[in-house]
Amino acid sequence: GGEGSLNSVKMAKVAFNVLFVAEPLVVRQSKMTDVAFVSTHIKDDVQILDSTCVGCLLEGSQIDSPLMIRNSAIYNSRVASVVATDAITVHASKISGVEFNDLRTGGPVAVTHSTGKDARLVNAGLQDSLSLRGSKLTKLVLENVTVAADADFEEVVLTEAEFRNVRFEGTVSFDAAVLRKCMFENVVFLKPVKSRRVDAPETTFKNCEFPSGTSFFSVPPV
């Protein structure tokens, strides 16, 4: 019982196989380099604060409680074949060269007020909401992704982002967003898009579907 805490820990070139996290864990001011977590089952809250992960891997794992990453940096890392049933939140963090592949989520996923480059979300089924609110991301890729609830891209700045084969089943808001040289290809929006004050220079739409009588830039009535 009780809360586990890792403070100012440095870990490198370690692999954890079949790991259970059954009590709250807080990681602070730590650095993990080339650390792999395979077949990990997280059953209680995990918070990663003011920490750095470089070249890390989370694979074949289950997350059944909230995961919060705040004021941290994640570089050149991979998350593959993960099922998460609770909230995943990344806030005020840096993410570069991070790939999420084969992700299934049941709770909200939020990457808010964060910055980064070359983040990829591929083959994902999100059963709850997605938020990138206030994030500035370059070369973000969403490919083969379904978002079953609302998506919040308000106040994002996306440069050279690619949305390919994405299905948004809830309301999507791009209010006050900047989309520079982005590409939307085979993207389905089941509800009218909210797009007040959007700046979208050199952004293209190819084979996209919108509700009858609307487009990406038509503003639905309040």
Protein backbone atom coordinates (compact mmCIF):
# COMPACT_ATOMS: atom_id res chain seq x y z
CA GLY A 1 0.00 0.00 0.00
CA GLY A 2 0.92 3.68 -0.05
CA GLU A 3 2.42 5.74 -2.81
CA GLY A 4 5.68 4.85 -4.54
CA SER A 5 8.01 7.68 -5.43
CA LEU A 6 11.06 7.84 -7.66
CA ASN A 7 13.01 11.08 -7.31
CA SER A 8 16.05 12.10 -9.36
CA VAL A 9 16.55 8.57 -10.64
CA LYS A 10 18.76 7.88 -13.66
CA MET A 11 18.06 4.64 -15.52
CA ALA A 12 19.71 3.43 -18.72
CA LYS A 13 19.55 0.32 -20.89
CA VAL A 14 17.10 -1.56 -18.67
CA ALA A 15 14.25 -3.83 -19.78
CA PHE A 16 11.29 -4.61 -17.55
CA ASN A 17 9.28 -7.63 -18.62
CA VAL A 18 5.91 -8.48 -17.03
CA LEU A 19 5.77 -5.60 -14.58
CA PHE A 20 2.77 -4.85 -12.34
CA VAL A 21 2.24 -1.36 -10.97
CA ALA A 22 -0.46 -1.87 -8.34
CA GLU A 23 -0.10 1.27 -6.25
CA PRO A 24 0.25 4.97 -7.12
CA LEU A 25 3.65 5.87 -8.55
CA VAL A 26 5.13 9.35 -8.91
CA VAL A 27 8.34 9.82 -10.92
CA ARG A 28 10.01 13.22 -10.45
CA GLN A 29 13.10 14.83 -11.96
CA SER A 30 14.29 11.54 -13.38
CA LYS A 31 15.94 10.50 -16.62
CA MET A 32 15.31 7.24 -18.47
CA THR A 33 17.43 6.34 -21.49
CA ASP A 34 16.80 3.19 -23.57
CA VAL A 35 14.40 1.76 -21.00
CA ALA A 36 11.83 -0.79 -22.17
CA PHE A 37 8.60 -1.75 -20.45
CA VAL A 38 7.12 -4.87 -22.04
CA SER A 39 3.92 -6.61 -20.89
CA THR A 40 3.43 -4.01 -18.18
CA HIS A 41 0.11 -3.73 -16.34
CA ILE A 42 -0.54 -0.40 -14.66
CA LYS A 43 -3.42 -0.66 -12.20
CA ASP A 44 -2.97 2.56 -10.25
CA ASP A 45 -2.18 6.22 -10.95
CA VAL A 46 1.18 6.98 -12.54
CA GLN A 47 2.53 10.53 -12.70
CA ILE A 48 5.74 11.47 -14.52
CA LEU A 49 6.79 15.01 -13.56
CA ASP A 50 9.77 17.12 -14.67
CA SER A 51 11.43 14.05 -16.20
CA THR A 52 13.02 12.97 -19.48
CA CYS A 53 12.62 9.75 -21.48
CA VAL A 54 14.94 9.10 -24.42
CA GLY A 55 14.72 6.00 -26.60
CA CYS A 56 12.12 4.34 -24.39
CA LEU A 57 9.61 1.65 -25.28
CA LEU A 58 6.22 0.69 -23.85
CA GLU A 59 4.89 -2.40 -25.60
CA GLY A 60 2.16 -4.99 -25.19
CA SER A 61 0.86 -3.30 -22.08
CA GLN A 62 -2.38 -2.45 -20.28
CA ILE A 63 -3.08 0.82 -18.45
CA ASP A 64 -6.18 0.78 -16.23
CA SER A 65 -5.76 4.03 -14.33
CA PRO A 66 -4.82 7.62 -15.13
CA LEU A 67 -1.39 8.30 -16.62
CA MET A 68 -0.20 11.92 -16.31
CA ILE A 69 2.99 13.29 -17.86
CA ARG A 70 3.70 16.92 -17.01
CA ASN A 71 6.62 19.30 -17.68
CA SER A 72 8.57 16.41 -19.15
CA ALA A 73 10.38 15.52 -22.38
CA ILE A 74 9.94 12.36 -24.43
CA TYR A 75 12.32 11.83 -27.35
CA ASN A 76 12.70 9.03 -29.92
CA SER A 77 10.39 6.69 -28.06
CA ARG A 78 7.73 4.18 -29.04
CA VAL A 79 4.41 3.05 -27.60
CA ALA A 80 3.10 -0.09 -29.32
CA SER A 81 0.16 -2.44 -28.76
CA VAL A 82 -1.16 -0.70 -25.67
CA VAL A 83 -4.70 -0.74 -24.27
CA ALA A 84 -5.58 2.13 -21.94
CA THR A 85 -8.95 2.26 -20.20
CA ASP A 86 -8.48 5.53 -18.29
CA ALA A 87 -7.27 9.05 -19.01
CA ILE A 88 -3.89 9.69 -20.63
CA THR A 89 -2.71 13.27 -20.19
CA VAL A 90 0.47 14.91 -21.47
CA HIS A 91 0.71 18.56 -20.43
CA ALA A 92 3.34 21.27 -20.98
CA SER A 93 5.80 18.72 -22.29
CA LYS A 94 8.13 18.22 -25.25
CA ILE A 95 7.55 15.25 -27.56
CA SER A 96 9.82 14.56 -30.52
CA GLY A 97 10.27 11.45 -32.62
CA VAL A 98 7.57 9.59 -30.67
CA GLU A 99 5.43 6.92 -32.32
CA PHE A 100 2.18 5.50 -30.96
CA ASN A 101 1.25 2.37 -32.88
CA ASP A 102 -1.77 0.12 -32.29
CA LEU A 103 -3.25 2.10 -29.41
CA ARG A 104 -6.72 1.39 -27.98
CA THR A 105 -8.10 3.85 -25.46
CA GLY A 106 -11.28 3.96 -23.39
CA GLY A 107 -10.62 7.24 -21.58
CA PRO A 108 -9.80 10.73 -22.82
CA VAL A 109 -6.42 11.34 -24.47
CA ALA A 110 -4.97 14.84 -24.11
CA VAL A 111 -1.68 16.36 -25.26
CA THR A 112 -2.14 19.97 -24.19
CA HIS A 113 0.08 23.07 -24.32
CA SER A 114 2.97 20.89 -25.47
CA THR A 115 5.53 21.24 -28.25
CA GLY A 116 7.21 18.74 -30.52
CA LYS A 117 8.16 17.37 -33.89
CA ASP A 118 7.64 14.05 -35.71
CA ALA A 119 4.98 12.57 -33.46
CA ARG A 120 2.97 9.76 -35.06
CA LEU A 121 -0.32 8.15 -34.04
CA VAL A 122 -0.92 5.15 -36.31
CA ASN A 123 -3.60 2.42 -36.14
CA ALA A 124 -5.50 3.77 -33.16
CA GLY A 125 -9.02 3.39 -31.87
CA LEU A 126 -9.91 6.12 -29.38
CA GLN A 127 -13.25 5.42 -27.69
CA ASP A 128 -13.25 8.73 -25.84
CA SER A 129 -12.15 12.28 -26.63
CA LEU A 130 -8.88 13.55 -28.10
CA SER A 131 -7.42 16.96 -27.23
CA LEU A 132 -4.34 18.71 -28.59
CA ARG A 133 -5.48 22.08 -27.24
CA GLY A 134 -2.82 24.79 -27.28
CA SER A 135 -0.06 22.50 -28.59
CA LYS A 136 2.50 23.50 -31.22
CA LEU A 137 3.48 20.45 -33.27
CA THR A 138 5.48 20.06 -36.47
CA LYS A 139 5.08 17.07 -38.81
CA LEU A 140 2.42 15.39 -36.71
CA VAL A 141 0.95 12.30 -38.42
CA LEU A 142 -2.43 10.71 -37.64
CA GLU A 143 -3.00 7.66 -39.83
CA ASN A 144 -5.72 4.98 -39.63
CA VAL A 145 -7.26 6.56 -36.54
CA THR A 146 -10.85 6.60 -35.29
CA VAL A 147 -11.93 9.08 -32.61
CA ALA A 148 -15.35 8.07 -31.25
CA ALA A 149 -15.98 11.20 -29.17
CA ASP A 150 -15.16 14.91 -29.55
CA ALA A 151 -11.78 16.21 -30.71
CA ASP A 152 -10.40 19.52 -29.44
CA PHE A 153 -7.79 21.16 -31.66
CA GLU A 154 -8.48 24.66 -30.36
CA GLU A 155 -5.52 27.08 -30.37
CA VAL A 156 -3.20 24.49 -31.90
CA VAL A 157 -0.38 25.43 -34.24
CA LEU A 158 0.21 22.53 -36.62
CA THR A 159 2.90 22.73 -39.30
CA GLU A 160 3.10 20.10 -42.06
CA ALA A 161 0.70 17.81 -40.20
CA GLU A 162 -0.80 14.86 -42.07
CA PHE A 163 -4.22 13.39 -41.28
CA ARG A 164 -4.74 10.24 -43.37
CA ASN A 165 -7.64 7.78 -43.10
CA VAL A 166 -8.98 9.41 -39.96
CA ARG A 167 -12.61 9.18 -38.79
CA PHE A 168 -13.99 11.76 -36.36
CA GLU A 169 -17.34 10.58 -34.96
CA GLY A 170 -17.85 13.46 -32.52
CA THR A 171 -17.63 17.23 -32.86
CA VAL A 172 -14.22 18.52 -33.93
CA SER A 173 -13.17 22.05 -33.00
CA PHE A 174 -10.32 23.87 -34.72
CA ASP A 175 -11.31 27.25 -33.29
CA ALA A 176 -8.40 29.74 -33.27
CA ALA A 177 -6.08 27.15 -34.83
CA VAL A 178 -3.18 27.70 -37.22
CA LEU A 179 -2.69 24.94 -39.81
CA ARG A 180 0.37 25.55 -41.98
CA LYS A 181 0.97 23.29 -45.00
CA CYS A 182 -1.18 20.53 -43.50
CA MET A 183 -2.83 17.72 -45.43
CA PHE A 184 -6.16 16.03 -44.77
CA GLU A 185 -6.66 12.92 -46.91
CA ASN A 186 -9.59 10.49 -46.61
CA VAL A 187 -10.74 12.18 -43.41
CA VAL A 188 -14.38 11.73 -42.37
CA PHE A 189 -16.12 14.28 -40.15
CA LEU A 190 -19.52 12.99 -39.03
CA LYS A 191 -20.51 16.31 -37.41
CA PRO A 192 -20.01 19.89 -38.61
CA VAL A 193 -16.51 21.18 -37.90
CA LYS A 194 -16.09 24.19 -35.62
CA SER A 195 -13.55 26.41 -37.33
CA ARG A 196 -13.84 29.99 -36.17
CA ARG A 197 -10.73 32.13 -36.70
CA VAL A 198 -8.76 29.38 -38.41
CA ASP A 199 -5.66 30.30 -40.38
CA ALA A 200 -4.86 27.52 -42.87
CA PRO A 201 -2.23 28.65 -45.39
CA GLU A 202 -1.33 25.99 -48.00
CA THR A 203 -3.48 23.37 -46.25
CA THR A 204 -5.13 20.84 -48.57
CA PHE A 205 -8.15 18.53 -48.36
CA LYS A 206 -8.34 15.41 -50.51
CA ASN A 207 -11.28 12.95 -50.53
CA CYS A 208 -12.64 14.26 -47.24
CA GLU A 209 -16.26 13.86 -46.11
CA PHE A 210 -18.29 16.46 -44.24
CA PRO A 211 -21.96 16.54 -43.17
CA SER A 212 -24.26 17.62 -45.98
CA GLY A 213 -24.05 21.33 -46.75
CA THR A 214 -20.91 21.95 -44.70
CA SER A 215 -17.18 22.15 -45.33
CA PHE A 216 -14.13 22.48 -43.15
CA PHE A 217 -14.51 26.26 -43.13
CA SER A 218 -18.27 26.58 -42.75
CA VAL A 219 -19.07 27.77 -39.25
CA PRO A 220 -22.05 25.95 -37.75
CA PRO A 221 -24.68 28.17 -36.09
CA VAL A 222 -24.43 28.55 -32.33
